Amino acid sequence: MLNPLTNVVVIGDRILIKPIESSNKTGSGLYLPPSVKEHDSVHTGLVVRVGPGYPIPASHDVDELFRSDSSDVNYVPLQVKEGDEALYLHANSHEIEIDGEHYVIISQNAVLMVMRPEVPSDIESIE
């Protein structure tokens, strides 16, 4: 069976998320207050695809810009990574369906926090 997501390319700072059924507890054990579920403004989902990030122009001299045909673009990468469980603002999402599956597209600024399977080593313990 072909994976319909192999041809999906997410643009810029956008993130493709597979929503997780809402409950009072996330998969990683985070309990959400009842007010969150009532207002239905914050949702949880699994990050499936991530865009390249925020585009910034490549640094060129003015003369090079007019002589060159290259359209080099650099990106500031996103903090969100594929496989993260994200808590996001539903009001900022765009719902889509791919091969019968429900997904949402959001920009990174709609993500409130992520829960990662592995914590990066550069983050110190808060305890």
N, C-alpha and C. Protein backbone atom coordinates (compact mmCIF):
# COMPACT_ATOMS: atom_id res chain seq x y z
N MET A 1 0.84 -1.19 0.00
CA MET A 1 0.00 0.00 0.00
C MET A 1 0.88 1.24 0.00
N LEU A 2 0.54 2.21 -0.82
CA LEU A 2 1.31 3.44 -0.90
C LEU A 2 0.97 4.38 0.24
N ASN A 3 1.96 5.07 0.74
CA ASN A 3 1.75 6.06 1.79
C ASN A 3 1.41 7.39 1.13
N PRO A 4 0.20 7.91 1.33
CA PRO A 4 -0.20 9.16 0.66
C PRO A 4 0.58 10.37 1.14
N LEU A 5 1.25 10.28 2.28
CA LEU A 5 1.99 11.43 2.82
C LEU A 5 3.39 11.57 2.23
N THR A 6 3.85 10.59 1.45
CA THR A 6 5.21 10.68 0.91
C THR A 6 5.35 11.84 -0.07
N ASN A 7 4.28 12.23 -0.72
CA ASN A 7 4.33 13.33 -1.68
C ASN A 7 3.90 14.67 -1.09
N VAL A 8 3.64 14.72 0.21
CA VAL A 8 3.21 15.95 0.85
C VAL A 8 4.45 16.76 1.23
N VAL A 9 4.50 17.99 0.76
CA VAL A 9 5.59 18.91 1.10
C VAL A 9 4.97 20.09 1.84
N VAL A 10 5.41 20.30 3.05
CA VAL A 10 4.89 21.41 3.86
C VAL A 10 5.78 22.62 3.62
N ILE A 11 5.17 23.77 3.48
CA ILE A 11 5.86 24.99 3.08
C ILE A 11 6.13 25.90 4.28
N GLY A 12 7.31 26.55 4.29
CA GLY A 12 7.63 27.59 5.26
C GLY A 12 7.57 27.12 6.70
N ASP A 13 6.87 27.90 7.52
CA ASP A 13 6.78 27.60 8.96
C ASP A 13 5.54 26.77 9.29
N ARG A 14 4.98 26.09 8.31
CA ARG A 14 3.77 25.31 8.52
C ARG A 14 4.09 23.91 9.03
N ILE A 15 3.11 23.32 9.74
CA ILE A 15 3.26 22.01 10.34
C ILE A 15 2.00 21.21 10.04
N LEU A 16 2.17 19.96 9.61
CA LEU A 16 1.04 19.06 9.37
C LEU A 16 0.89 18.16 10.59
N ILE A 17 -0.30 18.17 11.17
CA ILE A 17 -0.56 17.46 12.42
C ILE A 17 -1.72 16.48 12.24
N LYS A 18 -1.56 15.28 12.80
CA LYS A 18 -2.63 14.30 12.88
C LYS A 18 -3.26 14.46 14.26
N PRO A 19 -4.49 15.02 14.35
CA PRO A 19 -5.11 15.24 15.67
C PRO A 19 -5.31 13.95 16.45
N ILE A 20 -5.16 14.06 17.75
CA ILE A 20 -5.41 12.96 18.67
C ILE A 20 -6.75 13.25 19.34
N GLU A 21 -7.57 12.23 19.49
CA GLU A 21 -8.87 12.41 20.16
C GLU A 21 -8.67 13.13 21.48
N SER A 22 -9.52 14.11 21.72
CA SER A 22 -9.37 14.90 22.94
C SER A 22 -9.77 14.09 24.17
N SER A 23 -8.99 14.26 25.20
CA SER A 23 -9.31 13.68 26.50
C SER A 23 -8.70 14.60 27.55
N ASN A 24 -8.92 14.29 28.79
CA ASN A 24 -8.36 15.13 29.85
C ASN A 24 -6.88 14.87 30.07
N LYS A 25 -6.36 13.79 29.46
CA LYS A 25 -4.96 13.43 29.68
C LYS A 25 -4.30 13.17 28.33
N THR A 26 -3.13 13.77 28.11
CA THR A 26 -2.39 13.52 26.88
C THR A 26 -1.66 12.19 27.00
N GLY A 27 -1.13 11.71 25.90
CA GLY A 27 -0.42 10.44 25.88
C GLY A 27 0.81 10.43 26.76
N SER A 28 1.42 11.57 26.98
CA SER A 28 2.62 11.62 27.81
C SER A 28 2.30 11.86 29.28
N GLY A 29 1.01 11.94 29.63
CA GLY A 29 0.63 12.06 31.03
C GLY A 29 0.28 13.46 31.49
N LEU A 30 0.25 14.43 30.58
CA LEU A 30 -0.10 15.80 30.94
C LEU A 30 -1.61 15.90 31.07
N TYR A 31 -2.09 16.36 32.23
CA TYR A 31 -3.52 16.54 32.47
C TYR A 31 -3.93 17.95 32.06
N LEU A 32 -4.97 18.03 31.25
CA LEU A 32 -5.49 19.31 30.80
C LEU A 32 -6.67 19.70 31.69
N PRO A 33 -6.78 20.97 32.06
CA PRO A 33 -7.92 21.39 32.89
C PRO A 33 -9.23 21.27 32.11
N PRO A 34 -10.33 21.07 32.83
CA PRO A 34 -11.64 20.92 32.16
C PRO A 34 -12.00 22.13 31.30
N SER A 35 -11.57 23.31 31.68
CA SER A 35 -11.90 24.51 30.89
C SER A 35 -11.33 24.43 29.49
N VAL A 36 -10.19 23.77 29.32
CA VAL A 36 -9.59 23.62 27.99
C VAL A 36 -10.48 22.76 27.11
N LYS A 37 -10.96 21.66 27.66
CA LYS A 37 -11.82 20.76 26.88
C LYS A 37 -13.16 21.41 26.56
N GLU A 38 -13.71 22.18 27.51
CA GLU A 38 -15.00 22.83 27.29
C GLU A 38 -14.92 23.84 26.15
N HIS A 39 -13.90 24.66 26.16
CA HIS A 39 -13.78 25.69 25.13
C HIS A 39 -13.27 25.12 23.82
N ASP A 40 -12.64 23.95 23.87
CA ASP A 40 -12.17 23.26 22.67
C ASP A 40 -11.24 24.13 21.84
N SER A 41 -10.48 25.00 22.49
CA SER A 41 -9.59 25.88 21.74
C SER A 41 -8.19 25.31 21.63
N VAL A 42 -7.83 24.38 22.51
CA VAL A 42 -6.50 23.78 22.48
C VAL A 42 -6.66 22.29 22.19
N HIS A 43 -5.88 21.82 21.23
CA HIS A 43 -5.95 20.41 20.84
C HIS A 43 -4.56 19.80 20.91
N THR A 44 -4.54 18.48 20.89
CA THR A 44 -3.29 17.74 20.88
C THR A 44 -3.22 16.93 19.60
N GLY A 45 -2.01 16.81 19.04
CA GLY A 45 -1.86 16.02 17.84
C GLY A 45 -0.42 15.60 17.64
N LEU A 46 -0.23 14.65 16.74
CA LEU A 46 1.09 14.14 16.41
C LEU A 46 1.62 14.87 15.19
N VAL A 47 2.83 15.42 15.29
CA VAL A 47 3.44 16.15 14.18
C VAL A 47 3.88 15.13 13.13
N VAL A 48 3.33 15.25 11.92
CA VAL A 48 3.60 14.31 10.84
C VAL A 48 4.64 14.87 9.87
N ARG A 49 4.49 16.13 9.48
CA ARG A 49 5.43 16.78 8.57
C ARG A 49 5.70 18.20 9.06
N VAL A 50 6.91 18.69 8.77
CA VAL A 50 7.32 20.02 9.19
C VAL A 50 7.93 20.73 7.98
N GLY A 51 7.59 22.00 7.81
CA GLY A 51 8.18 22.79 6.73
C GLY A 51 9.64 23.12 7.03
N PRO A 52 10.34 23.71 6.07
CA PRO A 52 11.76 23.99 6.24
C PRO A 52 12.06 25.10 7.24
N GLY A 53 11.09 25.96 7.53
CA GLY A 53 11.30 27.03 8.50
C GLY A 53 10.98 28.40 7.93
N TYR A 54 11.49 29.41 8.61
CA TYR A 54 11.25 30.80 8.19
C TYR A 54 12.27 31.18 7.13
N PRO A 55 11.83 31.59 5.94
CA PRO A 55 12.78 31.94 4.88
C PRO A 55 13.48 33.26 5.18
N ILE A 56 14.77 33.26 4.94
CA ILE A 56 15.56 34.49 5.02
C ILE A 56 16.35 34.59 3.73
N PRO A 57 16.51 35.77 3.20
CA PRO A 57 17.22 35.90 1.93
C PRO A 57 18.70 35.57 2.10
N ALA A 58 19.26 34.98 1.05
CA ALA A 58 20.69 34.71 1.04
C ALA A 58 21.43 36.03 0.93
N SER A 59 22.56 36.12 1.56
CA SER A 59 23.32 37.38 1.51
C SER A 59 24.15 37.42 0.23
N HIS A 60 23.85 38.40 -0.60
CA HIS A 60 24.55 38.62 -1.86
C HIS A 60 24.85 40.10 -1.99
N ASP A 61 25.83 40.41 -2.79
CA ASP A 61 26.05 41.80 -3.16
C ASP A 61 24.94 42.20 -4.13
N VAL A 62 24.67 43.48 -4.23
CA VAL A 62 23.60 43.96 -5.10
C VAL A 62 23.89 43.56 -6.55
N ASP A 63 25.15 43.67 -6.98
CA ASP A 63 25.50 43.30 -8.36
C ASP A 63 25.23 41.83 -8.62
N GLU A 64 25.49 40.97 -7.63
CA GLU A 64 25.28 39.53 -7.81
C GLU A 64 23.81 39.20 -7.97
N LEU A 65 22.94 39.95 -7.31
CA LEU A 65 21.51 39.68 -7.39
C LEU A 65 20.99 39.83 -8.81
N PHE A 66 21.51 40.83 -9.54
CA PHE A 66 21.02 41.09 -10.89
C PHE A 66 21.71 40.22 -11.93
N ARG A 67 22.90 39.72 -11.65
CA ARG A 67 23.64 38.89 -12.61
C ARG A 67 23.33 37.42 -12.46
N SER A 68 22.91 37.00 -11.30
CA SER A 68 22.74 35.59 -11.01
C SER A 68 21.30 35.16 -11.23
N ASP A 69 21.13 33.93 -11.71
CA ASP A 69 19.79 33.36 -11.86
C ASP A 69 19.42 32.49 -10.67
N SER A 70 20.35 32.32 -9.74
CA SER A 70 20.07 31.44 -8.61
C SER A 70 19.13 32.12 -7.63
N SER A 71 18.26 31.33 -7.07
CA SER A 71 17.32 31.85 -6.07
C SER A 71 17.61 31.16 -4.74
N ASP A 72 18.82 31.33 -4.24
CA ASP A 72 19.21 30.73 -2.97
C ASP A 72 18.40 31.32 -1.84
N VAL A 73 17.80 30.44 -1.05
CA VAL A 73 17.05 30.87 0.11
C VAL A 73 17.55 30.05 1.29
N ASN A 74 17.82 30.73 2.38
CA ASN A 74 18.20 30.04 3.61
C ASN A 74 16.98 30.03 4.52
N TYR A 75 16.96 29.10 5.47
CA TYR A 75 15.84 28.98 6.37
C TYR A 75 16.31 28.94 7.82
N VAL A 76 15.53 29.58 8.69
CA VAL A 76 15.72 29.42 10.13
C VAL A 76 14.83 28.23 10.49
N PRO A 77 15.41 27.11 10.94
CA PRO A 77 14.61 25.91 11.18
C PRO A 77 13.60 26.08 12.30
N LEU A 78 12.56 25.25 12.25
CA LEU A 78 11.51 25.28 13.27
C LEU A 78 11.96 24.49 14.50
N GLN A 79 11.36 24.80 15.64
CA GLN A 79 11.64 24.06 16.87
C GLN A 79 10.90 22.73 16.90
N VAL A 80 9.75 22.68 16.25
CA VAL A 80 8.93 21.47 16.22
C VAL A 80 9.57 20.47 15.25
N LYS A 81 9.55 19.20 15.65
CA LYS A 81 10.12 18.14 14.82
C LYS A 81 9.08 17.05 14.58
N GLU A 82 9.25 16.30 13.49
CA GLU A 82 8.36 15.18 13.21
C GLU A 82 8.43 14.18 14.35
N GLY A 83 7.27 13.69 14.75
CA GLY A 83 7.20 12.73 15.85
C GLY A 83 6.86 13.37 17.18
N ASP A 84 6.93 14.70 17.28
CA ASP A 84 6.55 15.39 18.51
C ASP A 84 5.04 15.29 18.71
N GLU A 85 4.62 15.32 19.97
CA GLU A 85 3.20 15.47 20.29
C GLU A 85 3.02 16.94 20.63
N ALA A 86 2.17 17.64 19.88
CA ALA A 86 2.04 19.09 20.01
C ALA A 86 0.71 19.47 20.64
N LEU A 87 0.76 20.47 21.49
CA LEU A 87 -0.42 21.12 22.04
C LEU A 87 -0.56 22.42 21.25
N TYR A 88 -1.65 22.60 20.52
CA TYR A 88 -1.78 23.73 19.60
C TYR A 88 -3.14 24.39 19.69
N LEU A 89 -3.19 25.64 19.23
CA LEU A 89 -4.44 26.40 19.19
C LEU A 89 -5.24 26.00 17.96
N HIS A 90 -6.41 25.45 18.21
CA HIS A 90 -7.25 24.94 17.12
C HIS A 90 -7.79 26.08 16.24
N ALA A 91 -7.99 27.25 16.80
CA ALA A 91 -8.54 28.38 16.03
C ALA A 91 -7.62 28.78 14.88
N ASN A 92 -6.33 28.51 15.00
CA ASN A 92 -5.37 28.88 13.96
C ASN A 92 -5.11 27.75 12.97
N SER A 93 -5.91 26.70 13.00
CA SER A 93 -5.64 25.55 12.15
C SER A 93 -6.54 25.53 10.91
N HIS A 94 -6.06 24.82 9.90
CA HIS A 94 -6.82 24.60 8.67
C HIS A 94 -6.98 23.09 8.53
N GLU A 95 -8.21 22.61 8.54
CA GLU A 95 -8.48 21.19 8.48
C GLU A 95 -8.45 20.71 7.04
N ILE A 96 -7.79 19.56 6.82
CA ILE A 96 -7.74 18.95 5.50
C ILE A 96 -7.94 17.44 5.65
N GLU A 97 -8.21 16.79 4.53
CA GLU A 97 -8.34 15.34 4.52
C GLU A 97 -7.43 14.80 3.43
N ILE A 98 -6.58 13.83 3.80
CA ILE A 98 -5.68 13.19 2.85
C ILE A 98 -5.97 11.70 2.90
N ASP A 99 -6.42 11.14 1.79
CA ASP A 99 -6.71 9.72 1.67
C ASP A 99 -7.63 9.23 2.79
N GLY A 100 -8.66 10.01 3.10
CA GLY A 100 -9.64 9.64 4.11
C GLY A 100 -9.22 9.90 5.54
N GLU A 101 -8.02 10.39 5.77
CA GLU A 101 -7.53 10.69 7.12
C GLU A 101 -7.63 12.19 7.39
N HIS A 102 -7.98 12.55 8.62
CA HIS A 102 -8.14 13.95 9.02
C HIS A 102 -6.80 14.51 9.52
N TYR A 103 -6.40 15.68 9.01
CA TYR A 103 -5.18 16.37 9.42
C TYR A 103 -5.48 17.85 9.59
N VAL A 104 -4.59 18.55 10.27
CA VAL A 104 -4.68 20.01 10.35
C VAL A 104 -3.31 20.59 9.99
N ILE A 105 -3.35 21.78 9.42
CA ILE A 105 -2.13 22.52 9.10
C ILE A 105 -2.14 23.76 9.98
N ILE A 106 -1.03 23.99 10.66
CA ILE A 106 -0.89 25.18 11.50
C ILE A 106 0.48 25.80 11.27
N SER A 107 0.63 27.05 11.69
CA SER A 107 1.97 27.64 11.67
C SER A 107 2.60 27.39 13.04
N GLN A 108 3.91 27.49 13.11
CA GLN A 108 4.59 27.18 14.36
C GLN A 108 4.13 28.09 15.50
N ASN A 109 3.72 29.33 15.22
CA ASN A 109 3.30 30.21 16.31
C ASN A 109 1.99 29.77 16.96
N ALA A 110 1.27 28.80 16.38
CA ALA A 110 0.06 28.25 17.01
C ALA A 110 0.38 27.12 17.98
N VAL A 111 1.64 26.66 18.00
CA VAL A 111 2.03 25.58 18.90
C VAL A 111 2.35 26.17 20.26
N LEU A 112 1.71 25.64 21.28
CA LEU A 112 1.94 26.11 22.65
C LEU A 112 3.12 25.38 23.29
N MET A 113 3.21 24.08 23.04
CA MET A 113 4.33 23.29 23.56
C MET A 113 4.34 21.94 22.87
N VAL A 114 5.48 21.26 22.96
CA VAL A 114 5.58 19.91 22.41
C VAL A 114 6.12 18.97 23.47
N MET A 115 5.75 17.71 23.33
CA MET A 115 6.29 16.66 24.19
C MET A 115 7.06 15.72 23.28
N ARG A 116 8.35 15.55 23.59
CA ARG A 116 9.22 14.74 22.76
C ARG A 116 9.49 13.40 23.40
N PRO A 117 9.62 12.36 22.56
CA PRO A 117 10.00 11.07 23.11
C PRO A 117 11.37 11.11 23.78
N GLU A 118 12.28 11.90 23.22
CA GLU A 118 13.63 12.03 23.76
C GLU A 118 13.88 13.49 24.09
N VAL A 119 14.38 13.76 25.27
CA VAL A 119 14.71 15.12 25.67
C VAL A 119 16.13 15.41 25.21
N PRO A 120 16.36 16.54 24.52
CA PRO A 120 17.72 16.87 24.09
C PRO A 120 18.67 16.98 25.27
N SER A 121 19.91 16.61 25.07
CA SER A 121 20.89 16.60 26.15
C SER A 121 21.28 18.00 26.61
N ASP A 122 21.03 19.03 25.80
CA ASP A 122 21.42 20.37 26.19
C ASP A 122 20.42 21.05 27.12
N ILE A 123 19.30 20.39 27.42
CA ILE A 123 18.32 20.93 28.35
C ILE A 123 18.62 20.36 29.73
N GLU A 124 18.83 21.25 30.69
CA GLU A 124 19.14 20.80 32.04
C GLU A 124 17.87 20.43 32.80
N SER A 125 17.99 19.57 33.74
CA SER A 125 16.86 19.15 34.56
C SER A 125 16.38 20.30 35.43
N ILE A 126 15.08 20.45 35.57
CA ILE A 126 14.51 21.54 36.35
C ILE A 126 14.43 21.16 37.83
N GLU A 127 14.57 19.91 38.14
CA GLU A 127 14.42 19.43 39.52
C GLU A 127 15.37 20.06 40.46
